[in-house]
Amino acid sequence: MRLLSILFPDQCRLCESPLNTTKRYPVCPSCLRSLVAFQADYFCVACRTPFSTPFPLNEQGLCGLCRRGLVGFDAAFSFGAYEGSLQKLILLFKYGGVHTLAAPLGQLMMKAFPPGFAIDVIVPVPMHWWRAWRRGFNQAELLAKEVSRRAGVRMCRAVRRKRWTPPQAGLSNRARRQNVSGLFEVTKPAEIRGLHVLLVDDVLTTGATASACASALKRAGARAVSVLTLARADRRVEPFPLPTPKTIAAASGGISNVES
């Protein structure tokens, strides 16, 4: 019965309204149209961290982390804030196993690109093989494939995780950076050398994972690394919205595996 409900959903998983047309994913058009792009008063020009006042930024518009060189990427873009309907969609996609959501979510990610932004190759943030085997897919890779198809830029699995690490959720900023320190290895340096790499993931929280992965790409010869995510946690809100077993279960129809 659960398989049938996934293959042939009869109501929207977000608003619970009836789905009047056959769809490959259990979300109605109204809920998808209701998603809004990320808004903030001030952003760091590099990592795009949002701020309520300009005081954390210097004259060049850089935040403290970027000024101290603690961010390994050159730019970061996200469609929306990791909250509300967008958070529910990501949990449904990531933990509910609704792979077909990659298509509409990838379309949203394309809206985050600034006009004329040029990249050479797209690289998904890798998962450890054990986690990927348990989940059955890497959500970052599915999103990267959609962005690749829509942007007309090739995708390359150029990076791997060298070891298993505990999930980042719930860790402090410093602990997150320590958790991913030296974690990534570029397996195809010839595929990214001298190029502008677009690193794709589902959510940007503190940026620790993206920064560690970007640093590995640069050490292997990438000319520049930008990051594209579907959502980012709004760090002006404390605590910023991380998934809990309850929210995951609600979004994914009972699944409460919180590994990321």
Protein backbone atom coordinates (compact mmCIF):
# COMPACT_ATOMS: atom_id res chain seq x y z
CA MET A 1 0.00 0.00 0.00
CA ARG A 2 2.83 2.41 0.82
CA LEU A 3 4.45 1.75 -2.58
CA LEU A 4 1.14 2.42 -4.35
CA SER A 5 0.67 5.67 -2.45
CA ILE A 6 4.12 6.84 -3.58
CA LEU A 7 3.62 5.80 -7.21
CA PHE A 8 0.04 7.11 -7.41
CA PRO A 9 -0.39 9.83 -4.77
CA ASP A 10 -3.94 11.06 -4.23
CA GLN A 11 -3.22 14.19 -2.21
CA CYS A 12 -0.55 16.83 -1.86
CA ARG A 13 1.96 16.02 0.87
CA LEU A 14 2.21 19.69 1.81
CA CYS A 15 -1.35 21.07 1.84
CA GLU A 16 -3.24 17.73 1.67
CA SER A 17 -5.45 18.97 -1.16
CA PRO A 18 -6.54 16.38 -3.77
CA LEU A 19 -4.26 15.90 -6.77
CA ASN A 20 -6.59 16.19 -9.74
CA THR A 21 -4.00 15.26 -12.34
CA THR A 22 -1.53 12.39 -12.57
CA LYS A 23 1.87 13.52 -11.36
CA ARG A 24 5.25 11.91 -10.80
CA TYR A 25 5.52 13.58 -7.40
CA PRO A 26 2.95 14.12 -4.61
CA VAL A 27 2.95 17.92 -4.56
CA CYS A 28 0.32 20.19 -6.10
CA PRO A 29 1.14 23.07 -8.50
CA SER A 30 -0.13 25.65 -6.00
CA CYS A 31 2.38 24.60 -3.36
CA LEU A 32 5.24 24.68 -5.88
CA ARG A 33 4.19 28.16 -7.04
CA SER A 34 4.03 29.38 -3.44
CA LEU A 35 7.77 28.88 -2.87
CA VAL A 36 9.58 32.20 -2.63
CA ALA A 37 13.22 33.10 -3.19
CA PHE A 38 15.52 33.89 -0.27
CA GLN A 39 15.29 37.48 0.95
CA ALA A 40 17.51 39.42 3.33
CA ASP A 41 18.57 43.01 3.91
CA TYR A 42 22.30 42.37 3.53
CA PHE A 43 24.44 39.50 2.18
CA CYS A 44 28.12 38.70 2.23
CA VAL A 45 29.22 39.13 -1.39
CA ALA A 46 31.12 35.81 -1.30
CA CYS A 47 29.39 33.22 0.88
CA ARG A 48 25.97 34.96 0.69
CA THR A 49 25.38 34.66 4.44
CA PRO A 50 22.39 36.91 5.27
CA PHE A 51 22.58 39.72 7.82
CA SER A 52 20.03 42.13 9.26
CA THR A 53 22.53 45.03 9.39
CA PRO A 54 25.63 45.88 7.34
CA PHE A 55 27.94 45.99 10.36
CA PRO A 56 29.33 42.41 10.04
CA LEU A 57 30.52 43.29 6.52
CA ASN A 58 33.65 45.23 5.59
CA GLU A 59 33.92 47.84 2.84
CA GLN A 60 34.22 45.07 0.24
CA GLY A 61 31.04 43.41 1.55
CA LEU A 62 32.82 40.38 3.07
CA CYS A 63 31.78 38.74 6.33
CA GLY A 64 34.20 37.79 9.10
CA LEU A 65 34.59 34.17 7.96
CA CYS A 66 35.44 35.18 4.41
CA ARG A 67 37.87 37.84 5.59
CA ARG A 68 39.71 35.22 7.66
CA GLY A 69 39.83 32.78 4.74
CA LEU A 70 37.67 30.18 6.47
CA VAL A 71 35.39 29.76 3.44
CA GLY A 72 36.91 27.69 0.65
CA PHE A 73 34.50 28.67 -2.12
CA ASP A 74 34.36 31.88 -4.13
CA ALA A 75 30.59 32.42 -4.27
CA ALA A 76 27.42 30.74 -3.04
CA PHE A 77 23.87 30.88 -4.34
CA SER A 78 20.66 29.40 -2.91
CA PHE A 79 17.07 29.57 -4.05
CA GLY A 80 15.30 29.92 -0.72
CA ALA A 81 15.41 29.73 3.05
CA TYR A 82 15.43 26.31 4.70
CA GLU A 83 12.04 26.67 6.34
CA GLY A 84 8.33 26.21 5.70
CA SER A 85 7.22 24.50 2.52
CA LEU A 86 10.69 24.40 1.00
CA GLN A 87 12.07 22.56 4.02
CA LYS A 88 9.18 20.07 3.83
CA LEU A 89 9.87 19.48 0.14
CA ILE A 90 13.55 18.83 0.80
CA LEU A 91 12.75 16.38 3.61
CA LEU A 92 10.25 14.61 1.36
CA PHE A 93 12.84 14.40 -1.42
CA LYS A 94 15.76 13.46 0.81
CA TYR A 95 14.18 11.10 3.34
CA GLY A 96 10.89 10.15 1.68
CA GLY A 97 12.60 8.75 -1.39
CA VAL A 98 10.55 10.81 -3.87
CA HIS A 99 13.30 10.98 -6.49
CA THR A 100 11.03 12.63 -9.04
CA LEU A 101 11.05 15.86 -7.02
CA ALA A 102 14.55 16.44 -8.41
CA ALA A 103 13.00 17.92 -11.56
CA PRO A 104 10.96 20.76 -10.00
CA LEU A 105 13.61 21.35 -7.33
CA GLY A 106 16.31 21.62 -10.00
CA GLN A 107 14.18 24.18 -11.80
CA LEU A 108 14.02 26.26 -8.62
CA MET A 109 17.80 26.08 -8.24
CA MET A 110 18.29 27.57 -11.69
CA LYS A 111 16.47 30.70 -10.52
CA ALA A 112 19.28 31.37 -8.05
CA PHE A 113 21.84 31.99 -10.81
CA PRO A 114 22.68 35.66 -11.39
CA PRO A 115 22.39 36.83 -15.03
CA GLY A 116 25.38 35.89 -17.15
CA PHE A 117 26.93 33.62 -14.52
CA ALA A 118 29.27 31.18 -16.32
CA ILE A 119 30.55 27.80 -15.10
CA ASP A 120 32.58 25.05 -16.77
CA VAL A 121 31.67 21.86 -14.91
CA ILE A 122 29.16 20.75 -12.26
CA VAL A 123 30.24 18.56 -9.34
CA PRO A 124 27.83 17.12 -6.75
CA VAL A 125 28.86 16.99 -3.10
CA PRO A 126 29.54 13.26 -2.57
CA MET A 127 28.03 11.00 0.06
CA HIS A 128 29.93 8.24 1.81
CA TRP A 129 29.25 4.98 -0.02
CA TRP A 130 27.60 3.42 3.06
CA ARG A 131 25.12 6.27 3.43
CA ALA A 132 24.39 6.29 -0.28
CA TRP A 133 23.77 2.54 -0.18
CA ARG A 134 21.40 2.87 2.78
CA ARG A 135 19.45 5.75 1.24
CA GLY A 136 19.59 4.40 -2.28
CA PHE A 137 20.70 7.67 -3.87
CA ASN A 138 22.69 10.85 -3.36
CA GLN A 139 20.28 13.79 -3.36
CA ALA A 140 23.06 16.21 -4.37
CA GLU A 141 23.81 14.13 -7.45
CA LEU A 142 20.17 14.02 -8.52
CA LEU A 143 19.96 17.81 -8.21
CA ALA A 144 23.29 18.23 -10.02
CA LYS A 145 21.99 16.16 -12.94
CA GLU A 146 18.96 18.44 -13.23
CA VAL A 147 21.08 21.59 -13.11
CA SER A 148 23.45 20.05 -15.67
CA ARG A 149 20.60 19.26 -18.03
CA ARG A 150 19.03 22.71 -17.72
CA ALA A 151 22.28 24.67 -17.87
CA GLY A 152 23.81 22.59 -20.66
CA VAL A 153 26.99 22.05 -18.63
CA ARG A 154 28.50 18.61 -18.04
CA MET A 155 28.39 16.97 -14.61
CA CYS A 156 31.39 15.09 -13.20
CA ARG A 157 31.65 12.91 -10.07
CA ALA A 158 35.08 14.31 -9.34
CA VAL A 159 35.15 14.09 -5.54
CA ARG A 160 34.78 11.32 -2.98
CA ARG A 161 34.58 11.15 0.80
CA LYS A 162 37.60 9.40 2.24
CA ARG A 163 35.91 8.26 5.44
CA TRP A 164 32.59 8.03 7.22
CA THR A 165 31.73 10.94 9.51
CA PRO A 166 28.86 11.61 11.94
CA PRO A 167 26.03 13.77 10.55
CA GLN A 168 26.62 17.52 10.69
CA ALA A 169 23.18 18.27 12.19
CA GLY A 170 23.40 19.47 15.77
CA LEU A 171 27.14 20.25 15.70
CA SER A 172 28.57 23.70 16.40
CA ASN A 173 30.25 25.68 13.63
CA ARG A 174 33.73 24.71 14.86
CA ALA A 175 32.73 21.06 15.31
CA ARG A 176 31.29 20.98 11.79
CA ARG A 177 34.57 22.23 10.33
CA GLN A 178 36.57 19.71 12.34
CA ASN A 179 34.18 16.94 11.29
CA VAL A 180 34.87 17.53 7.57
CA SER A 181 38.52 18.57 7.79
CA GLY A 182 40.52 16.60 5.20
CA LEU A 183 37.40 14.61 4.35
CA PHE A 184 37.30 15.04 0.57
CA GLU A 185 39.57 13.76 -2.18
CA VAL A 186 39.46 14.69 -5.85
CA THR A 187 39.53 11.51 -7.90
CA LYS A 188 39.46 13.13 -11.36
CA PRO A 189 41.74 16.19 -11.21
CA ALA A 190 42.10 16.36 -14.98
CA GLU A 191 38.33 16.89 -15.24
CA ILE A 192 38.35 20.08 -13.14
CA ARG A 193 41.86 21.54 -13.53
CA GLY A 194 41.80 25.19 -14.57
CA LEU A 195 37.99 25.28 -14.62
CA HIS A 196 35.24 27.13 -12.76
CA VAL A 197 33.48 24.38 -10.80
CA LEU A 198 29.87 24.60 -9.62
CA LEU A 199 29.50 22.51 -6.46
CA VAL A 200 25.90 21.36 -5.93
CA ASP A 201 24.20 20.29 -2.70
CA ASP A 202 20.70 20.41 -1.25
CA VAL A 203 21.16 22.68 1.80
CA LEU A 204 23.86 25.12 2.93
CA THR A 205 23.90 25.54 6.71
CA THR A 206 27.21 26.83 8.07
CA GLY A 207 29.03 26.13 4.80
CA ALA A 208 31.56 23.79 6.46
CA THR A 209 30.96 20.85 4.11
CA ALA A 210 30.89 22.99 0.98
CA SER A 211 34.03 24.82 2.11
CA ALA A 212 35.96 21.58 2.73
CA CYS A 213 34.90 20.17 -0.63
CA ALA A 214 35.73 23.42 -2.44
CA SER A 215 39.17 23.53 -0.81
CA ALA A 216 39.89 20.00 -2.08
CA LEU A 217 38.85 21.02 -5.60
CA LYS A 218 41.11 24.07 -5.52
CA ARG A 219 44.06 22.04 -4.27
CA ALA A 220 43.50 19.74 -7.24
CA GLY A 221 43.70 22.68 -9.65
CA ALA A 222 40.19 24.15 -9.98
CA ARG A 223 40.41 27.82 -10.97
CA ALA A 224 37.33 28.80 -8.96
CA VAL A 225 34.55 27.04 -7.04
CA SER A 226 31.03 28.37 -6.63
CA VAL A 227 28.30 26.65 -4.63
CA LEU A 228 24.66 26.19 -5.60
CA THR A 229 22.12 24.82 -3.14
CA LEU A 230 18.37 24.57 -3.14
CA ALA A 231 18.13 26.19 0.29
CA ARG A 232 20.25 27.71 3.01
CA ALA A 233 19.63 27.94 6.73
CA ASP A 234 18.93 31.49 7.82
CA ARG A 235 21.61 32.00 10.47
CA ARG A 236 19.91 35.17 11.70
CA VAL A 237 17.44 32.80 13.36
CA GLU A 238 18.70 30.94 16.43
CA PRO A 239 18.58 28.05 16.40
CA PHE A 240 18.46 27.82 12.64
CA PRO A 241 15.97 25.23 11.37
CA LEU A 242 17.52 21.78 11.32
CA PRO A 243 15.47 18.63 10.66
CA THR A 244 14.18 16.63 13.58
CA PRO A 245 12.84 13.05 13.55
CA LYS A 246 9.33 14.49 13.94
CA THR A 247 9.58 16.88 10.97
CA ILE A 248 11.22 14.22 8.83
CA ALA A 249 8.54 11.68 9.65
CA ALA A 250 5.78 14.20 8.91
CA ALA A 251 7.25 15.12 5.54
CA SER A 252 8.27 11.67 4.40
CA GLY A 253 5.26 9.66 5.48
CA GLY A 254 6.75 7.93 8.52
CA ILE A 255 10.44 7.66 7.68
CA SER A 256 12.53 9.16 10.48
CA ASN A 257 16.12 8.36 9.48
CA VAL A 258 18.00 11.58 10.20
CA GLU A 259 21.32 10.66 8.62
CA SER A 260 22.47 13.26 6.11
